[in-house]
Structure formats: structure tokens, C-alpha cells
PDB file of N, CA and C in Angstrom:
ATOM      1  N   UNK A   1       0.933  -1.334   0.124  1.00  0.00           N
ATOM      2  CA  UNK A   1       0.063  -0.101  -0.418  1.00  0.00           C
ATOM      3  C   UNK A   1       0.700   1.116  -0.039  1.00  0.00           C
ATOM      4  N   UNK A   2       0.467   2.642  -0.604  1.00  0.00           N
ATOM      5  CA  UNK A   2       1.193   3.374  -0.576  1.00  0.00           C
ATOM      6  C   UNK A   2       1.140   3.880   0.574  1.00  0.00           C
ATOM      7  N   UNK A   3       1.463   5.203   0.518  1.00  0.00           N
ATOM      8  CA  UNK A   3       1.636   6.239   2.303  1.00  0.00           C
ATOM      9  C   UNK A   3      -0.126   6.549   2.109  1.00  0.00           C
ATOM     10  N   UNK A   4      -0.447   6.211   3.221  1.00  0.00           N
ATOM     11  CA  UNK A   4      -1.703   6.586   3.410  1.00  0.00           C
ATOM     12  C   UNK A   4      -2.313   7.781   3.960  1.00  0.00           C
ATOM     13  N   UNK A   5      -3.652   8.197   3.374  1.00  0.00           N
ATOM     14  CA  UNK A   5      -4.182   9.402   3.062  1.00  0.00           C
ATOM     15  C   UNK A   5      -4.230   9.704   4.939  1.00  0.00           C
ATOM     16  N   UNK A   6      -5.095  11.208   4.844  1.00  0.00           N
ATOM     17  CA  UNK A   6      -5.024  11.472   6.147  1.00  0.00           C
ATOM     18  C   UNK A   6      -6.364  10.684   6.533  1.00  0.00           C
ATOM     19  N   UNK A   7      -7.422  10.612   5.948  1.00  0.00           N
ATOM     20  CA  UNK A   7      -8.728   9.857   6.107  1.00  0.00           C
ATOM     21  C   UNK A   7      -7.962   8.185   6.260  1.00  0.00           C
ATOM     22  N   UNK A   8      -7.412   7.857   5.419  1.00  0.00           N
ATOM     23  CA  UNK A   8      -6.746   6.311   6.282  1.00  0.00           C
ATOM     24  C   UNK A   8      -6.139   5.907   7.270  1.00  0.00           C
ATOM     25  N   UNK A   9      -5.541   7.145   8.089  1.00  0.00           N
ATOM     26  CA  UNK A   9      -4.910   7.026   8.993  1.00  0.00           C
ATOM     27  C   UNK A   9      -6.027   7.260  10.290  1.00  0.00           C
ATOM     28  N   UNK A  10      -6.845   8.087   9.893  1.00  0.00           N
ATOM     29  CA  UNK A  10      -8.089   8.598  11.047  1.00  0.00           C
ATOM     30  C   UNK A  10      -8.700   7.520  11.302  1.00  0.00           C
ATOM     31  N   UNK A  11      -8.909   6.456  10.447  1.00  0.00           N
ATOM     32  CA  UNK A  11     -10.006   5.611  10.325  1.00  0.00           C
ATOM     33  C   UNK A  11      -9.097   4.306  10.747  1.00  0.00           C
ATOM     34  N   UNK A  12      -7.605   4.399  10.824  1.00  0.00           N
ATOM     35  CA  UNK A  12      -7.187   3.008  10.917  1.00  0.00           C
ATOM     36  C   UNK A  12      -7.277   2.024  10.186  1.00  0.00           C
ATOM     37  N   UNK A  13      -7.607   2.265   8.986  1.00  0.00           N
ATOM     38  CA  UNK A  13      -7.730   1.354   8.308  1.00  0.00           C
ATOM     39  C   UNK A  13      -6.459   0.175   8.135  1.00  0.00           C
ATOM     40  N   UNK A  14      -5.355   0.139   8.382  1.00  0.00           N
ATOM     41  CA  UNK A  14      -4.816  -1.110   8.079  1.00  0.00           C
ATOM     42  C   UNK A  14      -4.619  -1.974   9.291  1.00  0.00           C
ATOM     43  N   UNK A  15      -5.372  -1.295  10.686  1.00  0.00           N
ATOM     44  CA  UNK A  15      -5.876  -2.430  11.541  1.00  0.00           C
ATOM     45  C   UNK A  15      -7.407  -2.980  11.630  1.00  0.00           C
ATOM     46  N   UNK A  16      -7.106  -4.310  10.873  1.00  0.00           N
ATOM     47  CA  UNK A  16      -8.333  -5.122  10.611  1.00  0.00           C
ATOM     48  C   UNK A  16      -7.859  -6.448  11.052  1.00  0.00           C
ATOM     49  N   UNK A  17      -7.766  -6.922  12.502  1.00  0.00           N
ATOM     50  CA  UNK A  17      -7.299  -8.309  13.139  1.00  0.00           C
ATOM     51  C   UNK A  17      -7.822  -9.138  12.225  1.00  0.00           C
ATOM     52  N   UNK A  18      -9.247  -9.049  11.913  1.00  0.00           N
ATOM     53  CA  UNK A  18     -10.224 -10.259  11.744  1.00  0.00           C
ATOM     54  C   UNK A  18     -10.081 -10.351  10.283  1.00  0.00           C
ATOM     55  N   UNK A  19      -9.684  -9.591   9.739  1.00  0.00           N
ATOM     56  CA  UNK A  19      -9.774  -9.643   8.368  1.00  0.00           C
ATOM     57  C   UNK A  19     -10.896  -9.486   7.409  1.00  0.00           C
ATOM     58  N   UNK A  20     -11.836  -9.314   7.873  1.00  0.00           N
ATOM     59  CA  UNK A  20     -13.442  -9.090   7.505  1.00  0.00           C
ATOM     60  C   UNK A  20     -13.429  -7.858   6.272  1.00  0.00           C
ATOM     61  N   UNK A  21     -14.437  -8.522   5.075  1.00  0.00           N
ATOM     62  CA  UNK A  21     -14.018  -7.180   3.999  1.00  0.00           C
ATOM     63  C   UNK A  21     -14.888  -6.319   4.211  1.00  0.00           C
ATOM     64  N   UNK A  22     -15.706  -6.726   5.326  1.00  0.00           N
ATOM     65  CA  UNK A  22     -17.174  -5.677   5.285  1.00  0.00           C
ATOM     66  C   UNK A  22     -16.108  -4.609   6.742  1.00  0.00           C
ATOM     67  N   UNK A  23     -15.308  -4.680   7.163  1.00  0.00           N
ATOM     68  CA  UNK A  23     -14.443  -3.597   8.266  1.00  0.00           C
ATOM     69  C   UNK A  23     -13.569  -2.977   7.066  1.00  0.00           C
ATOM     70  N   UNK A  24     -13.136  -3.398   6.129  1.00  0.00           N
ATOM     71  CA  UNK A  24     -12.296  -3.040   5.127  1.00  0.00           C
ATOM     72  C   UNK A  24     -12.784  -1.971   4.262  1.00  0.00           C
ATOM     73  N   UNK A  25     -14.407  -2.465   3.934  1.00  0.00           N
ATOM     74  CA  UNK A  25     -15.198  -1.598   3.239  1.00  0.00           C
ATOM     75  C   UNK A  25     -15.525  -0.359   3.755  1.00  0.00           C
ATOM     76  N   UNK A  26     -15.943  -0.303   5.042  1.00  0.00           N
ATOM     77  CA  UNK A  26     -16.435   0.505   6.157  1.00  0.00           C
ATOM     78  C   UNK A  26     -15.337   1.729   5.972  1.00  0.00           C
ATOM     79  N   UNK A  27     -14.498   0.985   6.753  1.00  0.00           N
ATOM     80  CA  UNK A  27     -13.014   1.974   6.732  1.00  0.00           C
ATOM     81  C   UNK A  27     -12.803   2.821   5.868  1.00  0.00           C
ATOM     82  N   UNK A  28     -12.771   2.175   4.491  1.00  0.00           N
ATOM     83  CA  UNK A  28     -12.669   2.554   3.513  1.00  0.00           C
ATOM     84  C   UNK A  28     -13.189   3.841   3.010  1.00  0.00           C
ATOM     85  N   UNK A  29     -14.574   3.585   2.841  1.00  0.00           N
ATOM     86  CA  UNK A  29     -15.940   4.502   2.896  1.00  0.00           C
ATOM     87  C   UNK A  29     -15.385   5.740   3.873  1.00  0.00           C
ATOM     88  N   UNK A  30     -15.156   5.605   4.946  1.00  0.00           N
ATOM     89  CA  UNK A  30     -15.461   6.449   5.654  1.00  0.00           C
ATOM     90  C   UNK A  30     -14.252   7.555   5.343  1.00  0.00           C
ATOM     91  N   UNK A  31     -12.887   6.842   5.028  1.00  0.00           N
ATOM     92  CA  UNK A  31     -11.602   7.211   5.053  1.00  0.00           C
ATOM     93  C   UNK A  31     -11.875   8.277   4.095  1.00  0.00           C
ATOM     94  N   UNK A  32     -12.890   8.422   2.754  1.00  0.00           N
ATOM     95  CA  UNK A  32     -13.042   8.847   1.519  1.00  0.00           C
ATOM     96  C   UNK A  32     -13.746   9.975   1.952  1.00  0.00           C
ATOM     97  N   UNK A  33     -14.700  10.087   2.706  1.00  0.00           N
ATOM     98  CA  UNK A  33     -15.978  11.296   3.557  1.00  0.00           C
ATOM     99  C   UNK A  33     -14.439  12.218   4.194  1.00  0.00           C
ATOM    100  N   UNK A  34     -14.112  11.140   4.735  1.00  0.00           N
ATOM    101  CA  UNK A  34     -13.168  12.492   6.305  1.00  0.00           C
ATOM    102  C   UNK A  34     -12.108  13.030   5.209  1.00  0.00           C
ATOM    103  N   UNK A  35     -11.471  12.218   4.255  1.00  0.00           N
ATOM    104  CA  UNK A  35     -10.249  12.859   2.805  1.00  0.00           C
ATOM    105  C   UNK A  35     -11.175  14.465   2.617  1.00  0.00           C
ATOM    106  N   UNK A  36     -11.809  13.922   1.683  1.00  0.00           N
ATOM    107  CA  UNK A  36     -13.222  15.237   1.527  1.00  0.00           C
ATOM    108  C   UNK A  36     -13.333  16.208   2.382  1.00  0.00           C
ATOM    109  N   UNK A  37     -13.463  16.224   3.613  1.00  0.00           N
ATOM    110  CA  UNK A  37     -14.030  17.187   4.516  1.00  0.00           C
ATOM    111  C   UNK A  37     -12.474  17.873   4.999  1.00  0.00           C
ATOM    112  N   UNK A  38     -11.510  16.893   4.782  1.00  0.00           N
ATOM    113  CA  UNK A  38     -10.211  17.240   5.141  1.00  0.00           C
ATOM    114  C   UNK A  38      -9.549  18.579   3.782  1.00  0.00           C
ATOM    115  N   UNK A  39      -9.990  18.330   3.048  1.00  0.00           N
ATOM    116  CA  UNK A  39      -9.537  18.933   1.895  1.00  0.00           C
ATOM    117  C   UNK A  39     -10.183  20.326   2.171  1.00  0.00           C
ATOM    118  N   UNK A  40     -11.878  20.217   2.176  1.00  0.00           N
ATOM    119  CA  UNK A  40     -12.540  21.522   2.550  1.00  0.00           C
ATOM    120  C   UNK A  40     -11.814  22.201   3.695  1.00  0.00           C
ATOM    121  N   UNK A  41     -11.370  21.400   4.517  1.00  0.00           N
ATOM    122  CA  UNK A  41     -10.905  22.504   5.702  1.00  0.00           C
ATOM    123  C   UNK A  41      -9.816  23.243   5.567  1.00  0.00           C
ATOM    124  N   UNK A  42      -8.923  23.004   4.861  1.00  0.00           N
ATOM    125  CA  UNK A  42      -8.025  23.410   4.680  1.00  0.00           C
ATOM    126  C   UNK A  42      -7.651  24.597   4.326  1.00  0.00           C
ATOM    127  N   UNK A  43      -9.142  24.817   3.586  1.00  0.00           N
ATOM    128  CA  UNK A  43      -9.188  26.147   2.711  1.00  0.00           C
ATOM    129  C   UNK A  43     -10.079  27.172   3.775  1.00  0.00           C
ATOM    130  N   UNK A  44     -10.620  26.888   5.218  1.00  0.00           N
ATOM    131  CA  UNK A  44     -10.918  28.022   5.807  1.00  0.00           C
ATOM    132  C   UNK A  44     -10.263  27.680   7.339  1.00  0.00           C
ATOM    133  N   UNK A  45     -10.756  29.150   7.693  1.00  0.00           N
ATOM    134  CA  UNK A  45      -9.969  29.274   9.351  1.00  0.00           C
ATOM    135  C   UNK A  45     -10.747  30.367  10.163  1.00  0.00           C
ATOM    136  N   UNK A  46     -11.915  29.486  10.257  1.00  0.00           N
ATOM    137  CA  UNK A  46     -13.271  30.129  10.840  1.00  0.00           C
ATOM    138  C   UNK A  46     -14.241  29.274  11.701  1.00  0.00           C
ATOM    139  N   UNK A  47     -15.046  29.386  11.896  1.00  0.00           N
ATOM    140  CA  UNK A  47     -15.945  28.691  12.581  1.00  0.00           C
ATOM    141  C   UNK A  47     -16.325  27.349  11.617  1.00  0.00           C
ATOM    142  N   UNK A  48     -16.426  27.478  10.503  1.00  0.00           N
ATOM    143  CA  UNK A  48     -16.674  26.654   9.107  1.00  0.00           C
ATOM    144  C   UNK A  48     -15.437  25.192   9.436  1.00  0.00           C
ATOM    145  N   UNK A  49     -14.569  26.050   9.754  1.00  0.00           N
ATOM    146  CA  UNK A  49     -13.438  24.908  10.217  1.00  0.00           C
ATOM    147  C   UNK A  49     -13.710  24.071  11.021  1.00  0.00           C
ATOM    148  N   UNK A  50     -13.796  24.607  12.291  1.00  0.00           N
ATOM    149  CA  UNK A  50     -14.529  23.540  13.605  1.00  0.00           C
ATOM    150  C   UNK A  50     -15.872  23.419  13.032  1.00  0.00           C
ATOM    151  N   UNK A  51     -16.594  23.332  12.327  1.00  0.00           N
ATOM    152  CA  UNK A  51     -17.567  22.489  12.021  1.00  0.00           C
ATOM    153  C   UNK A  51     -17.350  21.397  11.513  1.00  0.00           C
ATOM    154  N   UNK A  52     -16.427  21.251  10.438  1.00  0.00           N
ATOM    155  CA  UNK A  52     -15.368  20.683   9.528  1.00  0.00           C
ATOM    156  C   UNK A  52     -14.787  19.340  10.733  1.00  0.00           C
ATOM    157  N   UNK A  53     -14.079  20.483  11.104  1.00  0.00           N
ATOM    158  CA  UNK A  53     -13.767  19.290  12.428  1.00  0.00           C
ATOM    159  C   UNK A  53     -14.491  18.252  13.145  1.00  0.00           C
ATOM    160  N   UNK A  54     -15.571  18.562  13.435  1.00  0.00           N
ATOM    161  CA  UNK A  54     -16.578  17.899  14.477  1.00  0.00           C
ATOM    162  C   UNK A  54     -17.143  16.891  13.412  1.00  0.00           C
ATOM    163  N   UNK A  55     -16.941  17.214  12.051  1.00  0.00           N
ATOM    164  CA  UNK A  55     -17.719  16.312  11.191  1.00  0.00           C
ATOM    165  C   UNK A  55     -16.842  14.812  10.790  1.00  0.00           C
ATOM    166  N   UNK A  56     -15.496  15.697  10.821  1.00  0.00           N
ATOM    167  CA  UNK A  56     -14.415  14.533  10.915  1.00  0.00           C
ATOM    168  C   UNK A  56     -14.542  13.462  11.945  1.00  0.00           C
ATOM    169  N   UNK A  57     -14.717  14.102  13.174  1.00  0.00           N
ATOM    170  CA  UNK A  57     -14.614  13.256  14.688  1.00  0.00           C
ATOM    171  C   UNK A  57     -15.750  12.425  14.330  1.00  0.00           C
ATOM    172  N   UNK A  58     -16.973  12.624  14.450  1.00  0.00           N
ATOM    173  CA  UNK A  58     -18.031  11.963  14.266  1.00  0.00           C
ATOM    174  C   UNK A  58     -18.157  11.103  13.234  1.00  0.00           C
ATOM    175  N   UNK A  59     -17.306  11.250  12.208  1.00  0.00           N
ATOM    176  CA  UNK A  59     -17.203  10.268  10.893  1.00  0.00           C
ATOM    177  C   UNK A  59     -16.328   9.320  12.022  1.00  0.00           C
ATOM    178  N   UNK A  60     -15.597   9.620  12.210  1.00  0.00           N
ATOM    179  CA  UNK A  60     -14.717   8.395  12.874  1.00  0.00           C
ATOM    180  C   UNK A  60     -15.423   7.448  13.854  1.00  0.00           C
ATOM    181  N   UNK A  61     -16.251   8.585  15.167  1.00  0.00           N
ATOM    182  CA  UNK A  61     -17.128   7.449  15.755  1.00  0.00           C
ATOM    183  C   UNK A  61     -17.823   6.856  14.639  1.00  0.00           C
ATOM    184  N   UNK A  62     -18.462   7.228  14.095  1.00  0.00           N
ATOM    185  CA  UNK A  62     -19.535   6.496  13.305  1.00  0.00           C
ATOM    186  C   UNK A  62     -19.024   4.940  12.801  1.00  0.00           C
ATOM    187  N   UNK A  63     -17.606   5.355  11.862  1.00  0.00           N
ATOM    188  CA  UNK A  63     -16.819   4.340  11.677  1.00  0.00           C
ATOM    189  C   UNK A  63     -16.564   2.960  12.866  1.00  0.00           C
ATOM    190  N   UNK A  64     -16.134   3.315  14.093  1.00  0.00           N
ATOM    191  CA  UNK A  64     -15.842   2.799  15.039  1.00  0.00           C
ATOM    192  C   UNK A  64     -17.270   1.684  15.395  1.00  0.00           C
ATOM    193  N   UNK A  65     -18.327   2.661  15.787  1.00  0.00           N
ATOM    194  CA  UNK A  65     -19.606   1.851  15.443  1.00  0.00           C
ATOM    195  C   UNK A  65     -20.198   0.556  14.734  1.00  0.00           C
ATOM    196  N   UNK A  66     -19.745   1.007  13.568  1.00  0.00           N
ATOM    197  CA  UNK A  66     -20.147  -0.087  12.468  1.00  0.00           C
ATOM    198  C   UNK A  66     -19.551  -0.957  12.684  1.00  0.00           C
ATOM    199  N   UNK A  67     -17.686  -0.537  12.641  1.00  0.00           N
ATOM    200  CA  UNK A  67     -17.244  -2.028  12.815  1.00  0.00           C
ATOM    201  C   UNK A  67     -17.577  -2.700  14.241  1.00  0.00           C
ATOM    202  N   UNK A  68     -17.750  -2.145  15.281  1.00  0.00           N
ATOM    203  CA  UNK A  68     -18.073  -2.735  16.410  1.00  0.00           C
ATOM    204  C   UNK A  68     -19.402  -4.005  15.969  1.00  0.00           C
ATOM    205  N   UNK A  69     -20.142  -3.327  15.408  1.00  0.00           N
ATOM    206  CA  UNK A  69     -21.377  -4.210  14.738  1.00  0.00           C
ATOM    207  C   UNK A  69     -20.911  -5.339  14.033  1.00  0.00           C
ATOM    208  N   UNK A  70     -20.114  -5.033  13.282  1.00  0.00           N
ATOM    209  CA  UNK A  70     -19.490  -6.057  11.926  1.00  0.00           C
ATOM    210  C   UNK A  70     -18.922  -7.105  12.993  1.00  0.00           C
ATOM    211  N   UNK A  71     -18.532  -6.604  14.293  1.00  0.00           N
ATOM    212  CA  UNK A  71     -17.502  -7.686  14.419  1.00  0.00           C
ATOM    213  C   UNK A  71     -17.578  -8.019  16.525  1.00  0.00           C
ATOM    214  N   UNK A  72     -19.263  -7.743  16.340  1.00  0.00           N
ATOM    215  CA  UNK A  72     -19.941  -8.155  17.431  1.00  0.00           C
ATOM    216  C   UNK A  72     -20.043  -9.796  17.540  1.00  0.00           C
ATOM    217  N   UNK A  73     -19.418 -10.456  18.715  1.00  0.00           N
ATOM    218  CA  UNK A  73     -19.873 -11.778  18.679  1.00  0.00           C
ATOM    219  C   UNK A  73     -20.892 -11.748  20.045  1.00  0.00           C
ATOM    220  N   UNK A  74     -21.630 -12.753  19.924  1.00  0.00           N
ATOM    221  CA  UNK A  74     -22.520 -13.222  21.072  1.00  0.00           C
ATOM    222  C   UNK A  74     -21.763 -14.207  22.133  1.00  0.00           C
TER     223      UNK A  74
END
């Protein structure tokens, strides 16, 4: 794999001990959204920047809960 993007690092794309394809898919999709939000944030230096930072954090949170669901074992 080439150098990881900001989004890939933010979701921990390379961490998937179960090797589950659904985990990889969710993380990849969330990483793409985070990369887009991060690009938009680079042009902002005001309240909009803060809002994008919150959106990135919430995307990370959503990704973690989705992975939790995928890997849940009863």
C-alpha cells in the first residue's frame, strides 16, 4: 500500500485483525469522506473549519460503531 491518506490514518485502515471485508469496506468509505472533509477544511480558518473538524470526529465515531457491529460476537 502506498502512503496512507489523512482519512486512512484517521480510521485506522490498516488495523483489521479479523480480516473482515466488511470492516475494510466501511473503513475505506469513511476514509474517503474524511479526506473530502479535510480538503474542504484546509481552505477554512473560522467557524466553518471547526464544523468540519466536528464532522470528521463524528465520521470516525460512526466508523468505530459500524466496525463494532460487524465484529460483534454473542
